[in-house]
Amino acid sequence: MFFGETAINLDAKGRMALPTRYRESVEEASGNRLVLTYSAFDSGCLWLYPEPEWERVRDQVMALSTFNPSHRGLQRRLVGSATQLELDGSARLLLPQTLRQVAGLEKKAVLMGMGARFEIWNDNVLNQRRAEEERSIQEQASAEMAELVL
Protein backbone atom coordinates (compact mmCIF):
# COMPACT_ATOMS: atom_id res chain seq x y z
CA MET A 1 0.00 0.00 0.00
CA PHE A 2 1.53 3.28 -1.15
CA PHE A 3 0.83 6.57 0.58
CA GLY A 4 2.44 9.92 1.05
CA GLU A 5 3.70 12.77 -1.07
CA THR A 6 7.22 13.35 -2.36
CA ALA A 7 8.59 16.26 -4.37
CA ILE A 8 10.62 14.81 -7.22
CA ASN A 9 12.81 16.19 -9.98
CA LEU A 10 12.97 14.93 -13.53
CA ASP A 11 16.40 15.02 -15.14
CA ALA A 12 17.05 16.33 -18.66
CA LYS A 13 16.21 12.89 -20.12
CA GLY A 14 12.88 12.66 -18.29
CA ARG A 15 14.03 10.21 -15.61
CA MET A 16 12.81 10.26 -12.04
CA ALA A 17 14.22 8.39 -9.07
CA LEU A 18 11.76 6.27 -7.12
CA PRO A 19 11.91 7.44 -3.49
CA THR A 20 13.80 5.06 -1.21
CA ARG A 21 10.80 4.41 1.02
CA TYR A 22 8.90 2.77 -1.88
CA ARG A 23 11.67 0.71 -3.43
CA GLU A 24 11.29 -2.44 -1.33
CA SER A 25 7.50 -2.45 -1.70
CA VAL A 26 7.72 -2.01 -5.48
CA GLU A 27 10.30 -4.80 -5.72
CA GLU A 28 8.05 -7.14 -3.71
CA ALA A 29 4.87 -6.17 -5.57
CA SER A 30 6.20 -6.28 -9.11
CA GLY A 31 9.87 -7.19 -9.38
CA ASN A 32 10.46 -3.52 -10.32
CA ARG A 33 8.13 -3.77 -13.34
CA LEU A 34 5.72 -0.86 -13.51
CA VAL A 35 3.18 0.54 -15.97
CA LEU A 36 2.70 4.25 -16.61
CA THR A 37 -0.42 5.72 -18.18
CA TYR A 38 -2.58 8.84 -18.20
CA SER A 39 -4.88 9.51 -15.30
CA ALA A 40 -8.43 8.46 -16.10
CA PHE A 41 -9.79 11.67 -14.61
CA ASP A 42 -7.20 14.42 -14.21
CA SER A 43 -5.13 16.32 -16.75
CA GLY A 44 -1.65 17.15 -15.48
CA CYS A 45 -1.36 13.72 -13.88
CA LEU A 46 -0.01 10.29 -14.75
CA TRP A 47 -0.76 7.01 -13.01
CA LEU A 48 2.02 4.56 -12.18
CA TYR A 49 1.07 0.98 -11.28
CA PRO A 50 3.03 -2.08 -10.19
CA GLU A 51 2.56 -4.46 -13.10
CA PRO A 52 0.28 -7.00 -11.31
CA GLU A 53 -2.07 -4.22 -10.15
CA TRP A 54 -2.03 -2.73 -13.65
CA GLU A 55 -3.06 -6.07 -15.14
CA ARG A 56 -6.11 -6.15 -12.85
CA VAL A 57 -7.08 -2.59 -13.83
CA ARG A 58 -6.39 -3.22 -17.53
CA ASP A 59 -8.59 -6.33 -17.53
CA GLN A 60 -11.48 -4.46 -15.88
CA VAL A 61 -11.26 -1.57 -18.32
CA MET A 62 -11.03 -3.83 -21.36
CA ALA A 63 -14.04 -5.85 -20.16
CA LEU A 64 -16.23 -2.76 -20.69
CA SER A 65 -18.37 -2.78 -23.81
CA THR A 66 -16.71 -1.07 -26.75
CA PHE A 67 -20.16 -0.09 -28.04
CA ASN A 68 -20.22 2.71 -25.48
CA PRO A 69 -18.15 5.73 -26.65
CA SER A 70 -17.13 6.69 -23.09
CA HIS A 71 -15.84 3.14 -22.53
CA ARG A 72 -13.77 3.34 -25.71
CA GLY A 73 -12.35 6.68 -24.58
CA LEU A 74 -11.35 5.25 -21.22
CA GLN A 75 -9.81 2.21 -22.89
CA ARG A 76 -7.77 4.44 -25.20
CA ARG A 77 -6.73 6.76 -22.38
CA LEU A 78 -5.64 4.05 -19.96
CA VAL A 79 -4.74 0.98 -21.98
CA GLY A 80 -3.86 2.42 -25.37
CA SER A 81 -1.44 4.91 -23.85
CA ALA A 82 0.12 2.63 -21.23
CA THR A 83 3.86 2.01 -21.23
CA GLN A 84 5.79 -0.66 -19.36
CA LEU A 85 8.71 0.65 -17.34
CA GLU A 86 11.44 -0.96 -15.30
CA LEU A 87 13.62 0.60 -12.63
CA ASP A 88 17.23 0.93 -13.73
CA GLY A 89 20.23 0.16 -11.50
CA SER A 90 19.89 3.59 -9.85
CA ALA A 91 16.16 3.06 -9.11
CA ARG A 92 15.16 5.53 -11.83
CA LEU A 93 12.28 5.40 -14.29
CA LEU A 94 12.42 6.94 -17.75
CA LEU A 95 9.06 8.60 -18.33
CA PRO A 96 8.21 8.66 -22.06
CA GLN A 97 8.24 12.11 -23.62
CA THR A 98 4.70 11.80 -25.01
CA LEU A 99 3.22 11.10 -21.58
CA ARG A 100 5.35 13.83 -19.94
CA GLN A 101 4.23 16.39 -22.51
CA VAL A 102 0.53 15.69 -22.20
CA ALA A 103 0.74 15.82 -18.39
CA GLY A 104 2.89 18.97 -18.53
CA LEU A 105 5.67 17.35 -16.51
CA GLU A 106 8.90 19.26 -16.63
CA LYS A 107 11.60 19.46 -13.98
CA LYS A 108 9.53 19.62 -10.79
CA ALA A 109 6.81 17.10 -10.07
CA VAL A 110 5.04 15.45 -7.16
CA LEU A 111 4.77 11.68 -6.60
CA MET A 112 1.79 10.66 -4.49
CA GLY A 113 1.18 7.20 -3.12
CA MET A 114 -2.50 6.46 -3.65
CA GLY A 115 -2.99 2.96 -2.30
CA ALA A 116 -2.28 0.45 -5.05
CA ARG A 117 -0.85 3.04 -7.47
CA PHE A 118 1.08 6.29 -7.63
CA GLU A 119 0.08 9.59 -9.15
CA ILE A 120 2.74 11.77 -10.76
CA TRP A 121 1.62 15.39 -10.93
CA ASN A 122 2.84 18.60 -12.48
CA ASP A 123 3.40 20.49 -9.21
CA ASN A 124 1.67 23.68 -10.39
CA VAL A 125 -1.39 21.77 -11.62
CA LEU A 126 -1.59 19.88 -8.32
CA ASN A 127 -1.46 23.10 -6.30
CA GLN A 128 -4.22 24.64 -8.45
CA ARG A 129 -6.31 21.48 -8.11
CA ARG A 130 -5.91 21.50 -4.34
CA ALA A 131 -7.11 25.10 -4.12
CA GLU A 132 -10.15 24.26 -6.26
CA GLU A 133 -10.92 21.15 -4.21
CA GLU A 134 -10.63 23.07 -0.95
CA ARG A 135 -13.17 25.64 -2.14
CA SER A 136 -15.45 22.90 -3.41
CA ILE A 137 -15.27 20.89 -0.19
CA GLN A 138 -16.17 23.96 1.85
CA GLU A 139 -19.12 24.70 -0.43
CA GLN A 140 -20.39 21.22 -1.15
CA ALA A 141 -19.39 18.82 1.61
CA SER A 142 -21.46 15.67 1.22
CA ALA A 143 -23.41 14.10 4.03
CA GLU A 144 -20.92 11.22 4.03
CA MET A 145 -18.01 13.63 4.39
CA ALA A 146 -19.76 15.48 7.23
CA GLU A 147 -19.91 12.23 9.20
CA LEU A 148 -16.16 11.58 8.94
CA VAL A 149 -14.17 11.89 12.15
CA LEU A 150 -10.80 13.13 10.98
C-alpha atoms as a PDB file:
ATOM      1  CA  MET A   1       0.000   0.000   0.000  1.00  0.00           C
ATOM      2  CA  PHE A   2       1.530   3.282  -1.145  1.00  0.00           C
ATOM      3  CA  PHE A   3       0.828   6.570   0.579  1.00  0.00           C
ATOM      4  CA  GLY A   4       2.440   9.925   1.050  1.00  0.00           C
ATOM      5  CA  GLU A   5       3.700  12.772  -1.070  1.00  0.00           C
ATOM      6  CA  THR A   6       7.217  13.347  -2.359  1.00  0.00           C
ATOM      7  CA  ALA A   7       8.585  16.264  -4.368  1.00  0.00           C
ATOM      8  CA  ILE A   8      10.623  14.811  -7.223  1.00  0.00           C
ATOM      9  CA  ASN A   9      12.808  16.189  -9.985  1.00  0.00           C
ATOM     10  CA  LEU A  10      12.973  14.927 -13.529  1.00  0.00           C
ATOM     11  CA  ASP A  11      16.398  15.018 -15.140  1.00  0.00           C
ATOM     12  CA  ALA A  12      17.053  16.328 -18.658  1.00  0.00           C
ATOM     13  CA  LYS A  13      16.209  12.887 -20.123  1.00  0.00           C
ATOM     14  CA  GLY A  14      12.885  12.659 -18.292  1.00  0.00           C
ATOM     15  CA  ARG A  15      14.025  10.213 -15.610  1.00  0.00           C
ATOM     16  CA  MET A  16      12.813  10.263 -12.036  1.00  0.00           C
ATOM     17  CA  ALA A  17      14.216   8.392  -9.067  1.00  0.00           C
ATOM     18  CA  LEU A  18      11.756   6.271  -7.116  1.00  0.00           C
ATOM     19  CA  PRO A  19      11.912   7.439  -3.488  1.00  0.00           C
ATOM     20  CA  THR A  20      13.799   5.058  -1.215  1.00  0.00           C
ATOM     21  CA  ARG A  21      10.804   4.411   1.019  1.00  0.00           C
ATOM     22  CA  TYR A  22       8.901   2.775  -1.878  1.00  0.00           C
ATOM     23  CA  ARG A  23      11.673   0.706  -3.430  1.00  0.00           C
ATOM     24  CA  GLU A  24      11.293  -2.436  -1.329  1.00  0.00           C
ATOM     25  CA  SER A  25       7.502  -2.454  -1.703  1.00  0.00           C
ATOM     26  CA  VAL A  26       7.721  -2.007  -5.483  1.00  0.00           C
ATOM     27  CA  GLU A  27      10.301  -4.800  -5.719  1.00  0.00           C
ATOM     28  CA  GLU A  28       8.051  -7.141  -3.713  1.00  0.00           C
ATOM     29  CA  ALA A  29       4.873  -6.170  -5.568  1.00  0.00           C
ATOM     30  CA  SER A  30       6.204  -6.282  -9.110  1.00  0.00           C
ATOM     31  CA  GLY A  31       9.873  -7.193  -9.378  1.00  0.00           C
ATOM     32  CA  ASN A  32      10.461  -3.519 -10.324  1.00  0.00           C
ATOM     33  CA  ARG A  33       8.134  -3.770 -13.335  1.00  0.00           C
ATOM     34  CA  LEU A  34       5.718  -0.860 -13.514  1.00  0.00           C
ATOM     35  CA  VAL A  35       3.181   0.541 -15.967  1.00  0.00           C
ATOM     36  CA  LEU A  36       2.698   4.253 -16.610  1.00  0.00           C
ATOM     37  CA  THR A  37      -0.425   5.721 -18.185  1.00  0.00           C
ATOM     38  CA  TYR A  38      -2.578   8.838 -18.204  1.00  0.00           C
ATOM     39  CA  SER A  39      -4.885   9.513 -15.298  1.00  0.00           C
ATOM     40  CA  ALA A  40      -8.426   8.462 -16.104  1.00  0.00           C
ATOM     41  CA  PHE A  41      -9.794  11.671 -14.610  1.00  0.00           C
ATOM     42  CA  ASP A  42      -7.202  14.425 -14.208  1.00  0.00           C
ATOM     43  CA  SER A  43      -5.132  16.317 -16.751  1.00  0.00           C
ATOM     44  CA  GLY A  44      -1.653  17.153 -15.485  1.00  0.00           C
ATOM     45  CA  CYS A  45      -1.356  13.721 -13.878  1.00  0.00           C
ATOM     46  CA  LEU A  46      -0.006  10.287 -14.750  1.00  0.00           C
ATOM     47  CA  TRP A  47      -0.757   7.008 -13.007  1.00  0.00           C
ATOM     48  CA  LEU A  48       2.021   4.559 -12.184  1.00  0.00           C
ATOM     49  CA  TYR A  49       1.070   0.981 -11.284  1.00  0.00           C
ATOM     50  CA  PRO A  50       3.034  -2.076 -10.187  1.00  0.00           C
ATOM     51  CA  GLU A  51       2.559  -4.457 -13.097  1.00  0.00           C
ATOM     52  CA  PRO A  52       0.278  -7.003 -11.311  1.00  0.00           C
ATOM     53  CA  GLU A  53      -2.071  -4.223 -10.150  1.00  0.00           C
ATOM     54  CA  TRP A  54      -2.027  -2.730 -13.654  1.00  0.00           C
ATOM     55  CA  GLU A  55      -3.061  -6.070 -15.144  1.00  0.00           C
ATOM     56  CA  ARG A  56      -6.106  -6.147 -12.849  1.00  0.00           C
ATOM     57  CA  VAL A  57      -7.084  -2.588 -13.826  1.00  0.00           C
ATOM     58  CA  ARG A  58      -6.392  -3.224 -17.527  1.00  0.00           C
ATOM     59  CA  ASP A  59      -8.591  -6.331 -17.529  1.00  0.00           C
ATOM     60  CA  GLN A  60     -11.479  -4.458 -15.884  1.00  0.00           C
ATOM     61  CA  VAL A  61     -11.257  -1.571 -18.323  1.00  0.00           C
ATOM     62  CA  MET A  62     -11.026  -3.834 -21.356  1.00  0.00           C
ATOM     63  CA  ALA A  63     -14.043  -5.846 -20.157  1.00  0.00           C
ATOM     64  CA  LEU A  64     -16.227  -2.760 -20.693  1.00  0.00           C
ATOM     65  CA  SER A  65     -18.372  -2.779 -23.805  1.00  0.00           C
ATOM     66  CA  THR A  66     -16.708  -1.066 -26.748  1.00  0.00           C
ATOM     67  CA  PHE A  67     -20.161  -0.094 -28.043  1.00  0.00           C
ATOM     68  CA  ASN A  68     -20.217   2.712 -25.479  1.00  0.00           C
ATOM     69  CA  PRO A  69     -18.155   5.727 -26.646  1.00  0.00           C
ATOM     70  CA  SER A  70     -17.129   6.685 -23.091  1.00  0.00           C
ATOM     71  CA  HIS A  71     -15.841   3.140 -22.528  1.00  0.00           C
ATOM     72  CA  ARG A  72     -13.767   3.345 -25.713  1.00  0.00           C
ATOM     73  CA  GLY A  73     -12.352   6.675 -24.583  1.00  0.00           C
ATOM     74  CA  LEU A  74     -11.349   5.248 -21.215  1.00  0.00           C
ATOM     75  CA  GLN A  75      -9.812   2.207 -22.894  1.00  0.00           C
ATOM     76  CA  ARG A  76      -7.768   4.441 -25.200  1.00  0.00           C
ATOM     77  CA  ARG A  77      -6.727   6.762 -22.381  1.00  0.00           C
ATOM     78  CA  LEU A  78      -5.641   4.049 -19.959  1.00  0.00           C
ATOM     79  CA  VAL A  79      -4.735   0.979 -21.984  1.00  0.00           C
ATOM     80  CA  GLY A  80      -3.856   2.417 -25.370  1.00  0.00           C
ATOM     81  CA  SER A  81      -1.437   4.913 -23.849  1.00  0.00           C
ATOM     82  CA  ALA A  82       0.115   2.628 -21.233  1.00  0.00           C
ATOM     83  CA  THR A  83       3.856   2.014 -21.227  1.00  0.00           C
ATOM     84  CA  GLN A  84       5.788  -0.662 -19.364  1.00  0.00           C
ATOM     85  CA  LEU A  85       8.712   0.653 -17.344  1.00  0.00           C
ATOM     86  CA  GLU A  86      11.436  -0.957 -15.295  1.00  0.00           C
ATOM     87  CA  LEU A  87      13.623   0.605 -12.631  1.00  0.00           C
ATOM     88  CA  ASP A  88      17.226   0.930 -13.733  1.00  0.00           C
ATOM     89  CA  GLY A  89      20.229   0.164 -11.504  1.00  0.00           C
ATOM     90  CA  SER A  90      19.886   3.588  -9.852  1.00  0.00           C
ATOM     91  CA  ALA A  91      16.155   3.058  -9.111  1.00  0.00           C
ATOM     92  CA  ARG A  92      15.155   5.532 -11.827  1.00  0.00           C
ATOM     93  CA  LEU A  93      12.279   5.402 -14.288  1.00  0.00           C
ATOM     94  CA  LEU A  94      12.421   6.940 -17.751  1.00  0.00           C
ATOM     95  CA  LEU A  95       9.056   8.603 -18.332  1.00  0.00           C
ATOM     96  CA  PRO A  96       8.212   8.660 -22.063  1.00  0.00           C
ATOM     97  CA  GLN A  97       8.244  12.106 -23.619  1.00  0.00           C
ATOM     98  CA  THR A  98       4.705  11.800 -25.015  1.00  0.00           C
ATOM     99  CA  LEU A  99       3.223  11.102 -21.576  1.00  0.00           C
ATOM    100  CA  ARG A 100       5.349  13.830 -19.942  1.00  0.00           C
ATOM    101  CA  GLN A 101       4.234  16.391 -22.514  1.00  0.00           C
ATOM    102  CA  VAL A 102       0.529  15.687 -22.200  1.00  0.00           C
ATOM    103  CA  ALA A 103       0.742  15.825 -18.389  1.00  0.00           C
ATOM    104  CA  GLY A 104       2.894  18.966 -18.526  1.00  0.00           C
ATOM    105  CA  LEU A 105       5.670  17.350 -16.506  1.00  0.00           C
ATOM    106  CA  GLU A 106       8.896  19.262 -16.629  1.00  0.00           C
ATOM    107  CA  LYS A 107      11.602  19.463 -13.983  1.00  0.00           C
ATOM    108  CA  LYS A 108       9.530  19.621 -10.788  1.00  0.00           C
ATOM    109  CA  ALA A 109       6.811  17.100 -10.068  1.00  0.00           C
ATOM    110  CA  VAL A 110       5.037  15.445  -7.162  1.00  0.00           C
ATOM    111  CA  LEU A 111       4.773  11.684  -6.605  1.00  0.00           C
ATOM    112  CA  MET A 112       1.792  10.664  -4.490  1.00  0.00           C
ATOM    113  CA  GLY A 113       1.176   7.198  -3.116  1.00  0.00           C
ATOM    114  CA  MET A 114      -2.503   6.458  -3.645  1.00  0.00           C
ATOM    115  CA  GLY A 115      -2.989   2.958  -2.300  1.00  0.00           C
ATOM    116  CA  ALA A 116      -2.278   0.445  -5.046  1.00  0.00           C
ATOM    117  CA  ARG A 117      -0.846   3.037  -7.467  1.00  0.00           C
ATOM    118  CA  PHE A 118       1.082   6.291  -7.631  1.00  0.00           C
ATOM    119  CA  GLU A 119       0.081   9.589  -9.152  1.00  0.00           C
ATOM    120  CA  ILE A 120       2.740  11.774 -10.758  1.00  0.00           C
ATOM    121  CA  TRP A 121       1.616  15.394 -10.934  1.00  0.00           C
ATOM    122  CA  ASN A 122       2.842  18.595 -12.476  1.00  0.00           C
ATOM    123  CA  ASP A 123       3.402  20.487  -9.207  1.00  0.00           C
ATOM    124  CA  ASN A 124       1.670  23.684 -10.394  1.00  0.00           C
ATOM    125  CA  VAL A 125      -1.390  21.774 -11.624  1.00  0.00           C
ATOM    126  CA  LEU A 126      -1.590  19.883  -8.320  1.00  0.00           C
ATOM    127  CA  ASN A 127      -1.456  23.100  -6.303  1.00  0.00           C
ATOM    128  CA  GLN A 128      -4.219  24.635  -8.452  1.00  0.00           C
ATOM    129  CA  ARG A 129      -6.313  21.475  -8.115  1.00  0.00           C
ATOM    130  CA  ARG A 130      -5.911  21.503  -4.339  1.00  0.00           C
ATOM    131  CA  ALA A 131      -7.106  25.104  -4.122  1.00  0.00           C
ATOM    132  CA  GLU A 132     -10.151  24.262  -6.263  1.00  0.00           C
ATOM    133  CA  GLU A 133     -10.915  21.151  -4.213  1.00  0.00           C
ATOM    134  CA  GLU A 134     -10.630  23.071  -0.951  1.00  0.00           C
ATOM    135  CA  ARG A 135     -13.174  25.641  -2.145  1.00  0.00           C
ATOM    136  CA  SER A 136     -15.446  22.896  -3.414  1.00  0.00           C
ATOM    137  CA  ILE A 137     -15.268  20.894  -0.187  1.00  0.00           C
ATOM    138  CA  GLN A 138     -16.172  23.956   1.851  1.00  0.00           C
ATOM    139  CA  GLU A 139     -19.116  24.696  -0.432  1.00  0.00           C
ATOM    140  CA  GLN A 140     -20.393  21.215  -1.152  1.00  0.00           C
ATOM    141  CA  ALA A 141     -19.385  18.819   1.608  1.00  0.00           C
ATOM    142  CA  SER A 142     -21.457  15.675   1.223  1.00  0.00           C
ATOM    143  CA  ALA A 143     -23.407  14.100   4.034  1.00  0.00           C
ATOM    144  CA  GLU A 144     -20.916  11.220   4.027  1.00  0.00           C
ATOM    145  CA  MET A 145     -18.013  13.631   4.388  1.00  0.00           C
ATOM    146  CA  ALA A 146     -19.765  15.482   7.228  1.00  0.00           C
ATOM    147  CA  GLU A 147     -19.915  12.229   9.201  1.00  0.00           C
ATOM    148  CA  LEU A 148     -16.164  11.584   8.945  1.00  0.00           C
ATOM    149  CA  VAL A 149     -14.172  11.895  12.146  1.00  0.00           C
ATOM    150  CA  LEU A 150     -10.801  13.132  10.980  1.00  0.00           C
END
